[in-house]
Amino acid sequence: MAAWPERPVTLIVPWSAGGGTDATGRMIGSLLE
């Protein structure tokens, strides 16, 4: 019953590194961390 997350989470970006989706996804990932 331990609260999520207990371990690292994978955040998939369906587009290449360097684009807008990648940039916003990485920012969100770092802030969620």
PDB file of all heavy atoms in Angstrom:
ATOM      1  N   MET A   1       0.807  -1.207   0.000  1.00  0.00           N
ATOM      2  CA  MET A   1       0.000   0.000   0.000  1.00  0.00           C
ATOM      3  C   MET A   1       0.851   1.272   0.000  1.00  0.00           C
ATOM      4  O   MET A   1       0.328   2.364   0.185  1.00  0.00           O
ATOM      5  CB  MET A   1      -0.940   0.001   1.215  1.00  0.00           C
ATOM      6  CG  MET A   1      -1.961  -1.133   1.197  1.00  0.00           C
ATOM      7  SD  MET A   1      -2.843  -1.291   2.768  1.00  0.00           S
ATOM      8  CE  MET A   1      -3.676   0.275   2.878  1.00  0.00           C
ATOM      9  N   ALA A   2       2.147   1.106  -0.167  1.00  0.00           N
ATOM     10  CA  ALA A   2       3.030   2.273  -0.120  1.00  0.00           C
ATOM     11  C   ALA A   2       2.648   3.272  -1.209  1.00  0.00           C
ATOM     12  O   ALA A   2       2.184   2.907  -2.280  1.00  0.00           O
ATOM     13  CB  ALA A   2       4.480   1.830  -0.302  1.00  0.00           C
ATOM     14  N   ALA A   3       2.841   4.541  -0.891  1.00  0.00           N
ATOM     15  CA  ALA A   3       2.448   5.610  -1.814  1.00  0.00           C
ATOM     16  C   ALA A   3       3.325   5.588  -3.060  1.00  0.00           C
ATOM     17  O   ALA A   3       4.532   5.406  -2.995  1.00  0.00           O
ATOM     18  CB  ALA A   3       2.550   6.955  -1.117  1.00  0.00           C
ATOM     19  N   TRP A   4       2.677   5.782  -4.209  1.00  0.00           N
ATOM     20  CA  TRP A   4       3.395   5.916  -5.485  1.00  0.00           C
ATOM     21  C   TRP A   4       4.025   7.307  -5.548  1.00  0.00           C
ATOM     22  O   TRP A   4       3.441   8.270  -5.046  1.00  0.00           O
ATOM     23  CB  TRP A   4       2.369   5.767  -6.623  1.00  0.00           C
ATOM     24  CG  TRP A   4       2.916   6.054  -7.990  1.00  0.00           C
ATOM     25  CD1 TRP A   4       3.456   5.165  -8.858  1.00  0.00           C
ATOM     26  CD2 TRP A   4       2.991   7.330  -8.631  1.00  0.00           C
ATOM     27  NE1 TRP A   4       3.858   5.791 -10.009  1.00  0.00           N
ATOM     28  CE2 TRP A   4       3.595   7.138  -9.899  1.00  0.00           C
ATOM     29  CE3 TRP A   4       2.610   8.623  -8.282  1.00  0.00           C
ATOM     30  CZ2 TRP A   4       3.817   8.171 -10.797  1.00  0.00           C
ATOM     31  CZ3 TRP A   4       2.837   9.657  -9.162  1.00  0.00           C
ATOM     32  CH2 TRP A   4       3.440   9.426 -10.408  1.00  0.00           C
ATOM     33  N   PRO A   5       5.243   7.457  -6.095  1.00  0.00           N
ATOM     34  CA  PRO A   5       6.101   6.426  -6.681  1.00  0.00           C
ATOM     35  C   PRO A   5       7.163   5.944  -5.697  1.00  0.00           C
ATOM     36  O   PRO A   5       7.746   6.751  -4.971  1.00  0.00           O
ATOM     37  CB  PRO A   5       6.740   7.155  -7.859  1.00  0.00           C
ATOM     38  CG  PRO A   5       6.862   8.585  -7.373  1.00  0.00           C
ATOM     39  CD  PRO A   5       5.687   8.823  -6.451  1.00  0.00           C
ATOM     40  N   GLU A   6       7.412   4.657  -5.702  1.00  0.00           N
ATOM     41  CA  GLU A   6       8.451   4.079  -4.845  1.00  0.00           C
ATOM     42  C   GLU A   6       9.780   3.951  -5.566  1.00  0.00           C
ATOM     43  O   GLU A   6      10.804   3.672  -4.933  1.00  0.00           O
ATOM     44  CB  GLU A   6       8.033   2.681  -4.387  1.00  0.00           C
ATOM     45  CG  GLU A   6       6.827   2.635  -3.482  1.00  0.00           C
ATOM     46  CD  GLU A   6       6.540   1.206  -3.066  1.00  0.00           C
ATOM     47  OE1 GLU A   6       5.880   0.476  -3.825  1.00  0.00           O
ATOM     48  OE2 GLU A   6       6.995   0.821  -1.972  1.00  0.00           O
ATOM     49  N   ARG A   7       9.756   4.088  -6.889  1.00  0.00           N
ATOM     50  CA  ARG A   7      10.962   3.893  -7.701  1.00  0.00           C
ATOM     51  C   ARG A   7      10.899   4.822  -8.922  1.00  0.00           C
ATOM     52  O   ARG A   7       9.886   5.488  -9.131  1.00  0.00           O
ATOM     53  CB  ARG A   7      11.079   2.435  -8.127  1.00  0.00           C
ATOM     54  CG  ARG A   7       9.842   1.860  -8.806  1.00  0.00           C
ATOM     55  CD  ARG A   7       9.984   0.360  -9.028  1.00  0.00           C
ATOM     56  NE  ARG A   7       8.766  -0.272  -9.480  1.00  0.00           N
ATOM     57  CZ  ARG A   7       8.360  -0.336 -10.741  1.00  0.00           C
ATOM     58  NH1 ARG A   7       9.098   0.234 -11.696  1.00  0.00           N
ATOM     59  NH2 ARG A   7       7.241  -0.951 -11.065  1.00  0.00           N
ATOM     60  N   PRO A   8      11.955   4.883  -9.714  1.00  0.00           N
ATOM     61  CA  PRO A   8      11.979   5.785 -10.856  1.00  0.00           C
ATOM     62  C   PRO A   8      10.837   5.529 -11.844  1.00  0.00           C
ATOM     63  O   PRO A   8      10.373   4.403 -12.017  1.00  0.00           O
ATOM     64  CB  PRO A   8      13.338   5.493 -11.512  1.00  0.00           C
ATOM     65  CG  PRO A   8      14.186   5.012 -10.388  1.00  0.00           C
ATOM     66  CD  PRO A   8      13.263   4.219  -9.512  1.00  0.00           C
ATOM     67  N   VAL A   9      10.408   6.610 -12.495  1.00  0.00           N
ATOM     68  CA  VAL A   9       9.329   6.566 -13.479  1.00  0.00           C
ATOM     69  C   VAL A   9       9.929   6.864 -14.856  1.00  0.00           C
ATOM     70  O   VAL A   9      10.777   7.753 -14.993  1.00  0.00           O
ATOM     71  CB  VAL A   9       8.232   7.605 -13.147  1.00  0.00           C
ATOM     72  CG1 VAL A   9       7.140   7.604 -14.219  1.00  0.00           C
ATOM     73  CG2 VAL A   9       7.641   7.320 -11.771  1.00  0.00           C
ATOM     74  N   THR A  10       9.498   6.118 -15.859  1.00  0.00           N
ATOM     75  CA  THR A  10       9.920   6.372 -17.238  1.00  0.00           C
ATOM     76  C   THR A  10       8.922   7.305 -17.908  1.00  0.00           C
ATOM     77  O   THR A  10       7.712   7.073 -17.859  1.00  0.00           O
ATOM     78  CB  THR A  10      10.001   5.058 -18.046  1.00  0.00           C
ATOM     79  OG1 THR A  10      11.016   4.224 -17.469  1.00  0.00           O
ATOM     80  CG2 THR A  10      10.351   5.334 -19.501  1.00  0.00           C
ATOM     81  N   LEU A  11       9.432   8.366 -18.517  1.00  0.00           N
ATOM     82  CA  LEU A  11       8.601   9.323 -19.238  1.00  0.00           C
ATOM     83  C   LEU A  11       8.972   9.246 -20.717  1.00  0.00           C
ATOM     84  O   LEU A  11      10.042   9.687 -21.127  1.00  0.00           O
ATOM     85  CB  LEU A  11       8.828  10.740 -18.704  1.00  0.00           C
ATOM     86  CG  LEU A  11       8.034  11.867 -19.364  1.00  0.00           C
ATOM     87  CD1 LEU A  11       6.541  11.701 -19.091  1.00  0.00           C
ATOM     88  CD2 LEU A  11       8.493  13.234 -18.858  1.00  0.00           C
ATOM     89  N   ILE A  12       8.082   8.654 -21.524  1.00  0.00           N
ATOM     90  CA  ILE A  12       8.352   8.453 -22.940  1.00  0.00           C
ATOM     91  C   ILE A  12       7.990   9.698 -23.749  1.00  0.00           C
ATOM     92  O   ILE A  12       6.906  10.268 -23.571  1.00  0.00           O
ATOM     93  CB  ILE A  12       7.567   7.239 -23.480  1.00  0.00           C
ATOM     94  CG1 ILE A  12       8.079   5.947 -22.824  1.00  0.00           C
ATOM     95  CG2 ILE A  12       7.673   7.138 -24.998  1.00  0.00           C
ATOM     96  CD1 ILE A  12       7.261   4.723 -23.162  1.00  0.00           C
ATOM     97  N   VAL A  13       8.905  10.111 -24.605  1.00  0.00           N
ATOM     98  CA  VAL A  13       8.662  11.204 -25.556  1.00  0.00           C
ATOM     99  C   VAL A  13       8.676  10.597 -26.953  1.00  0.00           C
ATOM    100  O   VAL A  13       9.689  10.014 -27.354  1.00  0.00           O
ATOM    101  CB  VAL A  13       9.733  12.303 -25.436  1.00  0.00           C
ATOM    102  CG1 VAL A  13       9.573  13.336 -26.542  1.00  0.00           C
ATOM    103  CG2 VAL A  13       9.637  12.987 -24.067  1.00  0.00           C
ATOM    104  N   PRO A  14       7.572  10.695 -27.716  1.00  0.00           N
ATOM    105  CA  PRO A  14       7.498  10.026 -29.017  1.00  0.00           C
ATOM    106  C   PRO A  14       8.228  10.729 -30.152  1.00  0.00           C
ATOM    107  O   PRO A  14       8.125  10.292 -31.293  1.00  0.00           O
ATOM    108  CB  PRO A  14       5.985  10.005 -29.321  1.00  0.00           C
ATOM    109  CG  PRO A  14       5.296  10.434 -28.079  1.00  0.00           C
ATOM    110  CD  PRO A  14       6.284  11.279 -27.337  1.00  0.00           C
ATOM    111  N   TRP A  15       8.935  11.804 -29.845  1.00  0.00           N
ATOM    112  CA  TRP A  15       9.609  12.582 -30.874  1.00  0.00           C
ATOM    113  C   TRP A  15      11.075  12.776 -30.512  1.00  0.00           C
ATOM    114  O   TRP A  15      11.491  12.552 -29.373  1.00  0.00           O
ATOM    115  CB  TRP A  15       8.905  13.926 -31.078  1.00  0.00           C
ATOM    116  CG  TRP A  15       7.457  13.741 -31.410  1.00  0.00           C
ATOM    117  CD1 TRP A  15       6.394  13.876 -30.566  1.00  0.00           C
ATOM    118  CD2 TRP A  15       6.897  13.310 -32.661  1.00  0.00           C
ATOM    119  NE1 TRP A  15       5.216  13.584 -31.203  1.00  0.00           N
ATOM    120  CE2 TRP A  15       5.486  13.231 -32.499  1.00  0.00           C
ATOM    121  CE3 TRP A  15       7.447  13.013 -33.903  1.00  0.00           C
ATOM    122  CZ2 TRP A  15       4.633  12.849 -33.520  1.00  0.00           C
ATOM    123  CZ3 TRP A  15       6.595  12.631 -34.931  1.00  0.00           C
ATOM    124  CH2 TRP A  15       5.207  12.552 -34.733  1.00  0.00           C
ATOM    125  N   SER A  16      11.857  13.229 -31.456  1.00  0.00           N
ATOM    126  CA  SER A  16      13.310  13.301 -31.304  1.00  0.00           C
ATOM    127  C   SER A  16      13.749  14.319 -30.254  1.00  0.00           C
ATOM    128  O   SER A  16      13.038  15.287 -29.959  1.00  0.00           O
ATOM    129  CB  SER A  16      13.960  13.674 -32.645  1.00  0.00           C
ATOM    130  OG  SER A  16      13.670  12.718 -33.633  1.00  0.00           O
ATOM    131  N   ALA A  17      14.953  14.099 -29.739  1.00  0.00           N
ATOM    132  CA  ALA A  17      15.558  15.040 -28.799  1.00  0.00           C
ATOM    133  C   ALA A  17      15.800  16.370 -29.493  1.00  0.00           C
ATOM    134  O   ALA A  17      16.140  16.417 -30.681  1.00  0.00           O
ATOM    135  CB  ALA A  17      16.871  14.469 -28.281  1.00  0.00           C
ATOM    136  N   GLY A  18      15.608  17.452 -28.747  1.00  0.00           N
ATOM    137  CA  GLY A  18      15.877  18.786 -29.275  1.00  0.00           C
ATOM    138  C   GLY A  18      14.657  19.534 -29.750  1.00  0.00           C
ATOM    139  O   GLY A  18      14.705  20.750 -29.912  1.00  0.00           O
ATOM    140  N   GLY A  19      13.542  18.834 -29.988  1.00  0.00           N
ATOM    141  CA  GLY A  19      12.323  19.499 -30.430  1.00  0.00           C
ATOM    142  C   GLY A  19      11.517  20.042 -29.268  1.00  0.00           C
ATOM    143  O   GLY A  19      11.870  19.872 -28.090  1.00  0.00           O
ATOM    144  N   GLY A  20      10.395  20.679 -29.591  1.00  0.00           N
ATOM    145  CA  GLY A  20       9.564  21.276 -28.563  1.00  0.00           C
ATOM    146  C   GLY A  20       8.961  20.268 -27.612  1.00  0.00           C
ATOM    147  O   GLY A  20       8.883  20.500 -26.395  1.00  0.00           O
ATOM    148  N   THR A  21       8.535  19.112 -28.137  1.00  0.00           N
ATOM    149  CA  THR A  21       7.943  18.086 -27.277  1.00  0.00           C
ATOM    150  C   THR A  21       8.991  17.539 -26.321  1.00  0.00           C
ATOM    151  O   THR A  21       8.721  17.327 -25.130  1.00  0.00           O
ATOM    152  CB  THR A  21       7.352  16.945 -28.129  1.00  0.00           C
ATOM    153  OG1 THR A  21       6.377  17.495 -29.017  1.00  0.00           O
ATOM    154  CG2 THR A  21       6.686  15.899 -27.256  1.00  0.00           C
ATOM    155  N   ASP A  22      10.193  17.312 -26.828  1.00  0.00           N
ATOM    156  CA  ASP A  22      11.280  16.830 -25.986  1.00  0.00           C
ATOM    157  C   ASP A  22      11.631  17.857 -24.911  1.00  0.00           C
ATOM    158  O   ASP A  22      11.792  17.510 -23.731  1.00  0.00           O
ATOM    159  CB  ASP A  22      12.503  16.547 -26.855  1.00  0.00           C
ATOM    160  CG  ASP A  22      13.697  16.050 -26.059  1.00  0.00           C
ATOM    161  OD1 ASP A  22      13.637  14.916 -25.546  1.00  0.00           O
ATOM    162  OD2 ASP A  22      14.688  16.800 -25.948  1.00  0.00           O
ATOM    163  N   ALA A  23      11.723  19.124 -25.298  1.00  0.00           N
ATOM    164  CA  ALA A  23      12.103  20.174 -24.342  1.00  0.00           C
ATOM    165  C   ALA A  23      11.080  20.313 -23.225  1.00  0.00           C
ATOM    166  O   ALA A  23      11.438  20.374 -22.040  1.00  0.00           O
ATOM    167  CB  ALA A  23      12.261  21.514 -25.078  1.00  0.00           C
ATOM    168  N   THR A  24       9.801  20.346 -23.585  1.00  0.00           N
ATOM    169  CA  THR A  24       8.767  20.496 -22.554  1.00  0.00           C
ATOM    170  C   THR A  24       8.665  19.235 -21.709  1.00  0.00           C
ATOM    171  O   THR A  24       8.455  19.311 -20.496  1.00  0.00           O
ATOM    172  CB  THR A  24       7.401  20.822 -23.181  1.00  0.00           C
ATOM    173  OG1 THR A  24       7.010  19.778 -24.085  1.00  0.00           O
ATOM    174  CG2 THR A  24       7.436  22.146 -23.924  1.00  0.00           C
ATOM    175  N   GLY A  25       8.831  18.059 -22.339  1.00  0.00           N
ATOM    176  CA  GLY A  25       8.779  16.806 -21.590  1.00  0.00           C
ATOM    177  C   GLY A  25       9.895  16.718 -20.568  1.00  0.00           C
ATOM    178  O   GLY A  25       9.687  16.282 -19.432  1.00  0.00           O
ATOM    179  N   ARG A  26      11.082  17.138 -20.959  1.00  0.00           N
ATOM    180  CA  ARG A  26      12.224  17.084 -20.033  1.00  0.00           C
ATOM    181  C   ARG A  26      12.050  18.075 -18.880  1.00  0.00           C
ATOM    182  O   ARG A  26      12.431  17.780 -17.735  1.00  0.00           O
ATOM    183  CB  ARG A  26      13.534  17.331 -20.780  1.00  0.00           C
ATOM    184  CG  ARG A  26      13.923  16.169 -21.666  1.00  0.00           C
ATOM    185  CD  ARG A  26      15.240  16.356 -22.408  1.00  0.00           C
ATOM    186  NE  ARG A  26      15.462  15.223 -23.302  1.00  0.00           N
ATOM    187  CZ  ARG A  26      15.974  14.053 -22.932  1.00  0.00           C
ATOM    188  NH1 ARG A  26      16.352  13.889 -21.671  1.00  0.00           N
ATOM    189  NH2 ARG A  26      16.127  13.074 -23.792  1.00  0.00           N
ATOM    190  N   MET A  27      11.496  19.241 -19.181  1.00  0.00           N
ATOM    191  CA  MET A  27      11.254  20.193 -18.104  1.00  0.00           C
ATOM    192  C   MET A  27      10.237  19.640 -17.113  1.00  0.00           C
ATOM    193  O   MET A  27      10.422  19.709 -15.888  1.00  0.00           O
ATOM    194  CB  MET A  27      10.778  21.522 -18.688  1.00  0.00           C
ATOM    195  CG  MET A  27      10.351  22.554 -17.633  1.00  0.00           C
ATOM    196  SD  MET A  27      11.616  22.929 -16.382  1.00  0.00           S
ATOM    197  CE  MET A  27      12.777  23.914 -17.344  1.00  0.00           C
ATOM    198  N   ILE A  28       9.162  19.066 -17.625  1.00  0.00           N
ATOM    199  CA  ILE A  28       8.148  18.467 -16.759  1.00  0.00           C
ATOM    200  C   ILE A  28       8.747  17.332 -15.935  1.00  0.00           C
ATOM    201  O   ILE A  28       8.505  17.215 -14.730  1.00  0.00           O
ATOM    202  CB  ILE A  28       6.947  17.974 -17.588  1.00  0.00           C
ATOM    203  CG1 ILE A  28       6.097  19.161 -18.018  1.00  0.00           C
ATOM    204  CG2 ILE A  28       6.100  16.969 -16.810  1.00  0.00           C
ATOM    205  CD1 ILE A  28       4.987  18.825 -18.972  1.00  0.00           C
ATOM    206  N   GLY A  29       9.554  16.493 -16.575  1.00  0.00           N
ATOM    207  CA  GLY A  29      10.181  15.387 -15.856  1.00  0.00           C
ATOM    208  C   GLY A  29      11.061  15.859 -14.718  1.00  0.00           C
ATOM    209  O   GLY A  29      11.010  15.308 -13.605  1.00  0.00           O
ATOM    210  N   SER A  30      11.857  16.888 -14.969  1.00  0.00           N
ATOM    211  CA  SER A  30      12.759  17.387 -13.927  1.00  0.00           C
ATOM    212  C   SER A  30      11.986  17.996 -12.760  1.00  0.00           C
ATOM    213  O   SER A  30      12.366  17.832 -11.596  1.00  0.00           O
ATOM    214  CB  SER A  30      13.742  18.393 -14.513  1.00  0.00           C
ATOM    215  OG  SER A  30      13.086  19.593 -14.897  1.00  0.00           O
ATOM    216  N   LEU A  31      10.886  18.679 -13.067  1.00  0.00           N
ATOM    217  CA  LEU A  31      10.096  19.304 -12.001  1.00  0.00           C
ATOM    218  C   LEU A  31       9.276  18.269 -11.234  1.00  0.00           C
ATOM    219  O   LEU A  31       9.080  18.389 -10.020  1.00  0.00           O
ATOM    220  CB  LEU A  31       9.199  20.390 -12.591  1.00  0.00           C
ATOM    221  CG  LEU A  31       9.933  21.590 -13.194  1.00  0.00           C
ATOM    222  CD1 LEU A  31       8.943  22.569 -13.820  1.00  0.00           C
ATOM    223  CD2 LEU A  31      10.778  22.305 -12.144  1.00  0.00           C
ATOM    224  N   LEU A  32       8.778  17.241 -11.928  1.00  0.00           N
ATOM    225  CA  LEU A  32       8.066  16.165 -11.231  1.00  0.00           C
ATOM    226  C   LEU A  32       9.022  15.406 -10.298  1.00  0.00           C
ATOM    227  O   LEU A  32       8.627  14.958  -9.224  1.00  0.00           O
ATOM    228  CB  LEU A  32       7.447  15.196 -12.233  1.00  0.00           C
ATOM    229  CG  LEU A  32       6.154  15.638 -12.917  1.00  0.00           C
ATOM    230  CD1 LEU A  32       5.756  14.636 -13.989  1.00  0.00           C
ATOM    231  CD2 LEU A  32       5.021  15.802 -11.893  1.00  0.00           C
ATOM    232  N   GLU A  33      10.262  15.265 -10.735  1.00  0.00           N
ATOM    233  CA  GLU A  33      11.270  14.609  -9.900  1.00  0.00           C
ATOM    234  C   GLU A  33      11.456  15.364  -8.585  1.00  0.00           C
ATOM    235  O   GLU A  33      11.512  14.762  -7.504  1.00  0.00           O
ATOM    236  CB  GLU A  33      12.589  14.526 -10.664  1.00  0.00           C
ATOM    237  CG  GLU A  33      13.680  13.762  -9.950  1.00  0.00           C
ATOM    238  CD  GLU A  33      14.884  13.526 -10.852  1.00  0.00           C
ATOM    239  OE1 GLU A  33      14.691  13.284 -12.054  1.00  0.00           O
ATOM    240  OE2 GLU A  33      16.013  13.585 -10.322  1.00  0.00           O
TER     241      GLU A  33
END
